[in-house]
């Protein structure tokens, strides 16, 4: 029953929010069209509900050919591929707002496991692949808030001369698998409300510890 209620709320809230945010969207579209490389949207294929593929929408925050530049799939806070406006859009999470279109289209929900790229999904253990996207991927999720300092952490690793991508694969990636699996095993209205509220807290206070708000959540050890 809850998945049906959740889908209704997703569509209702996303529709109202999209209408209210039209002035902001139009302003950003004009600014992005007139600055930098004149790229407005970033589209990328991700794995979604029932492991089906879809294209995620974001406002553009990086140089057009960033995927082929030094840094690869890992983005750090000081990443030179991020545009001037992109730093603000990423920090404020405004770059994620076009995903309201993904929510209206049924690709995503407001809360769920974050959708990953095909290459990342291929590295998931089989049991994780069978579980993680039994619910729609989310605009925010447990993995997003427990790893809200991800870019900062990877920046520190890189500044210390380490391999940020290796650190991601060895530590961050497996931990995200654990917490997203925990979410799918414990999904409920109250869990989703907590994640929504804590997402707002994290935006304004990134250092906030949130694991104490969720019973049985796997502990982070790095």
Protein backbone atom coordinates (compact mmCIF):
# COMPACT_ATOMS: atom_id res chain seq x y z
CA UNK A 1 0.00 0.00 0.00
CA UNK A 2 2.78 2.45 0.90
CA UNK A 3 4.40 2.35 -2.59
CA UNK A 4 1.09 3.54 -4.11
CA UNK A 5 0.73 6.35 -1.57
CA UNK A 6 4.39 7.29 -2.07
CA UNK A 7 3.94 7.47 -5.86
CA UNK A 8 0.85 9.69 -5.50
CA UNK A 9 2.73 12.05 -3.16
CA UNK A 10 5.74 12.11 -5.50
CA UNK A 11 3.64 13.20 -8.47
CA UNK A 12 1.58 15.71 -6.49
CA UNK A 13 4.57 17.40 -4.79
CA UNK A 14 6.77 17.34 -7.91
CA UNK A 15 4.02 18.93 -10.01
CA UNK A 16 3.37 21.72 -7.50
CA UNK A 17 7.10 22.31 -6.93
CA UNK A 18 7.82 22.45 -10.69
CA UNK A 19 5.11 25.05 -11.23
CA UNK A 20 6.35 27.18 -8.30
CA UNK A 21 9.98 26.94 -9.45
CA UNK A 22 9.35 27.92 -13.10
CA UNK A 23 10.76 31.47 -12.52
CA UNK A 24 13.97 30.00 -11.04
CA UNK A 25 14.27 27.43 -13.85
CA UNK A 26 13.81 30.09 -16.56
CA UNK A 27 16.39 32.36 -14.91
CA UNK A 28 18.96 29.54 -14.67
CA UNK A 29 18.32 28.42 -18.25
CA UNK A 30 19.02 31.96 -19.49
CA UNK A 31 22.17 32.32 -17.35
CA UNK A 32 23.53 28.91 -18.41
CA UNK A 33 22.78 29.66 -22.06
CA UNK A 34 24.68 32.95 -21.89
CA UNK A 35 27.71 31.81 -19.86
CA UNK A 36 30.43 29.17 -19.88
CA UNK A 37 29.97 26.57 -22.60
CA UNK A 38 26.27 27.41 -23.00
CA UNK A 39 25.25 23.96 -21.78
CA UNK A 40 21.92 23.95 -19.89
CA UNK A 41 21.19 20.35 -19.00
CA UNK A 42 23.34 17.34 -18.20
CA UNK A 43 21.81 14.02 -19.22
CA UNK A 44 23.32 10.69 -18.23
CA UNK A 45 22.13 7.09 -18.43
CA UNK A 46 21.50 5.58 -14.99
CA UNK A 47 20.08 2.34 -13.56
CA UNK A 48 16.59 2.74 -12.12
CA UNK A 49 13.45 0.98 -10.91
CA UNK A 50 13.59 -2.79 -11.49
CA UNK A 51 17.09 -2.26 -12.95
CA UNK A 52 15.75 -0.50 -16.06
CA UNK A 53 17.82 2.26 -17.62
CA UNK A 54 16.76 5.89 -17.86
CA UNK A 55 18.32 9.31 -18.44
CA UNK A 56 18.74 11.52 -15.38
CA UNK A 57 18.33 15.30 -15.71
CA UNK A 58 20.53 17.87 -13.98
CA UNK A 59 21.53 21.45 -14.60
CA UNK A 60 24.97 21.50 -16.17
CA UNK A 61 27.76 22.20 -13.68
CA UNK A 62 30.86 20.86 -15.44
CA UNK A 63 32.74 21.41 -18.68
CA UNK A 64 31.20 19.73 -21.70
CA UNK A 65 33.95 17.13 -22.20
CA UNK A 66 34.60 16.58 -18.46
CA UNK A 67 34.14 12.80 -18.66
CA UNK A 68 37.21 12.57 -20.91
CA UNK A 69 39.34 14.94 -18.83
CA UNK A 70 41.65 14.18 -15.92
CA UNK A 71 39.58 13.12 -12.91
CA UNK A 72 37.29 10.63 -14.63
CA UNK A 73 34.17 9.56 -12.75
CA UNK A 74 35.29 11.03 -9.41
CA UNK A 75 34.41 14.67 -8.70
CA UNK A 76 36.18 16.57 -5.92
CA UNK A 77 35.34 19.95 -4.35
CA UNK A 78 38.28 21.63 -6.10
CA UNK A 79 37.67 19.87 -9.41
CA UNK A 80 38.84 22.24 -12.20
CA UNK A 81 36.17 20.78 -14.52
CA UNK A 82 33.40 22.42 -12.47
CA UNK A 83 32.25 25.77 -13.87
CA UNK A 84 32.06 28.93 -11.76
CA UNK A 85 28.26 28.77 -11.52
CA UNK A 86 28.49 25.00 -11.17
CA UNK A 87 30.14 25.28 -7.74
CA UNK A 88 27.14 27.19 -6.41
CA UNK A 89 24.59 24.89 -8.09
CA UNK A 90 26.26 21.77 -6.67
CA UNK A 91 26.74 23.20 -3.17
CA UNK A 92 23.10 24.33 -2.97
CA UNK A 93 21.83 21.15 -4.72
CA UNK A 94 19.92 23.33 -7.19
CA UNK A 95 21.55 21.36 -10.01
CA UNK A 96 19.44 18.35 -8.94
CA UNK A 97 16.04 20.11 -9.31
CA UNK A 98 15.46 19.09 -12.98
CA UNK A 99 15.00 15.58 -11.59
CA UNK A 100 11.44 16.67 -10.76
CA UNK A 101 10.89 15.75 -14.43
CA UNK A 102 12.27 12.26 -13.74
CA UNK A 103 9.89 11.98 -10.78
CA UNK A 104 6.86 13.03 -12.87
CA UNK A 105 7.92 10.57 -15.56
CA UNK A 106 8.02 7.70 -13.05
CA UNK A 107 11.79 7.16 -13.28
CA UNK A 108 12.44 8.40 -9.76
CA UNK A 109 10.96 9.20 -6.36
CA UNK A 110 11.83 11.99 -3.92
CA UNK A 111 13.43 9.42 -1.59
CA UNK A 112 15.18 6.22 -2.60
CA UNK A 113 18.60 4.80 -3.47
CA UNK A 114 20.52 7.23 -5.64
CA UNK A 115 20.63 6.04 -9.27
CA UNK A 116 24.12 4.98 -10.32
CA UNK A 117 25.88 4.81 -13.67
CA UNK A 118 25.88 1.52 -15.57
CA UNK A 119 29.59 0.94 -14.84
CA UNK A 120 29.04 1.35 -11.10
CA UNK A 121 26.00 -0.92 -11.11
CA UNK A 122 28.02 -3.62 -12.88
CA UNK A 123 30.36 -3.68 -9.86
CA UNK A 124 27.54 -4.27 -7.36
CA UNK A 125 27.40 -7.74 -5.75
CA UNK A 126 24.62 -9.91 -7.19
CA UNK A 127 22.48 -9.79 -4.03
CA UNK A 128 22.68 -5.97 -4.04
CA UNK A 129 21.63 -5.83 -7.70
CA UNK A 130 18.57 -7.94 -6.87
CA UNK A 131 17.49 -5.68 -3.99
CA UNK A 132 18.61 -2.08 -4.37
CA UNK A 133 16.23 -0.92 -7.10
CA UNK A 134 13.11 -2.73 -5.98
CA UNK A 135 12.11 0.82 -5.06
CA UNK A 136 12.43 3.83 -7.36
CA UNK A 137 15.75 5.68 -7.12
CA UNK A 138 15.54 8.97 -5.27
CA UNK A 139 16.35 12.64 -5.58
CA UNK A 140 17.78 12.12 -2.10
CA UNK A 141 18.33 8.99 -0.07
CA UNK A 142 20.07 7.42 2.87
CA UNK A 143 23.29 7.02 0.85
CA UNK A 144 23.30 10.71 -0.05
CA UNK A 145 23.01 11.97 3.50
CA UNK A 146 25.39 9.53 5.22
CA UNK A 147 27.98 10.40 2.55
CA UNK A 148 27.22 14.12 2.32
CA UNK A 149 30.94 14.81 2.79
CA UNK A 150 31.93 12.57 -0.12
CA UNK A 151 33.45 15.29 -2.32
CA UNK A 152 35.29 16.79 0.64
CA UNK A 153 36.65 13.37 1.60
CA UNK A 154 37.82 12.58 -1.93
CA UNK A 155 39.42 16.03 -2.18
CA UNK A 156 41.44 15.34 0.98
CA UNK A 157 42.56 11.95 -0.36
CA UNK A 158 43.66 13.56 -3.62
CA UNK A 159 45.43 16.44 -1.84
CA UNK A 160 47.34 13.88 0.26
CA UNK A 161 48.59 12.22 -2.91
CA UNK A 162 46.21 9.25 -2.79
CA UNK A 163 44.07 7.73 -5.54
CA UNK A 164 40.56 9.11 -5.08
CA UNK A 165 38.98 6.55 -7.43
CA UNK A 166 40.61 3.62 -5.62
CA UNK A 167 39.42 5.00 -2.27
CA UNK A 168 35.91 5.32 -3.69
CA UNK A 169 35.90 1.71 -4.91
CA UNK A 170 37.39 0.23 -1.73
CA UNK A 171 35.51 2.22 0.92
CA UNK A 172 32.70 4.50 -0.29
CA UNK A 173 31.13 2.23 -2.89
CA UNK A 174 30.73 -0.86 -0.64
CA UNK A 175 29.40 1.28 2.21
CA UNK A 176 26.76 2.84 -0.03
CA UNK A 177 25.72 -0.67 -1.08
CA UNK A 178 25.21 -1.58 2.58
CA UNK A 179 23.14 1.48 3.52
CA UNK A 180 20.97 1.36 0.39
CA UNK A 181 20.28 -2.33 1.01
CA UNK A 182 19.36 -1.40 4.59
CA UNK A 183 16.93 1.21 3.22
CA UNK A 184 15.15 -1.30 0.99
CA UNK A 185 14.82 -3.71 3.90
CA UNK A 186 13.42 -1.00 6.21
CA UNK A 187 11.48 1.31 3.88
CA UNK A 188 8.58 3.09 5.56
CA UNK A 189 6.80 6.44 5.65
CA UNK A 190 8.66 7.50 8.82
CA UNK A 191 12.06 6.56 7.38
CA UNK A 192 11.33 8.66 4.29
CA UNK A 193 10.21 11.64 6.39
CA UNK A 194 13.43 11.43 8.42
CA UNK A 195 15.52 11.36 5.23
CA UNK A 196 13.67 14.40 3.83
CA UNK A 197 14.20 16.41 7.02
CA UNK A 198 17.84 15.37 7.37
CA UNK A 199 18.51 16.20 3.71
CA UNK A 200 17.49 19.79 4.48
CA UNK A 201 19.69 19.78 7.61
CA UNK A 202 22.69 18.46 5.65
CA UNK A 203 22.39 21.19 3.00
CA UNK A 204 22.89 23.87 5.68
CA UNK A 205 25.06 21.85 8.07
CA UNK A 206 27.09 19.25 6.13
CA UNK A 207 28.96 18.02 9.22
CA UNK A 208 25.82 16.76 10.99
CA UNK A 209 26.00 13.09 11.99
CA UNK A 210 22.81 11.30 11.00
CA UNK A 211 23.45 7.62 11.71
CA UNK A 212 21.99 7.93 15.23
CA UNK A 213 18.57 8.70 13.72
CA UNK A 214 18.25 5.27 12.06
CA UNK A 215 18.15 2.05 14.04
CA UNK A 216 20.40 -0.67 12.66
CA UNK A 217 22.00 1.51 9.97
CA UNK A 218 25.44 0.09 9.03
CA UNK A 219 28.22 2.05 10.71
CA UNK A 220 30.74 3.97 8.69
CA UNK A 221 34.34 3.09 9.56
CA UNK A 222 36.38 5.47 7.40
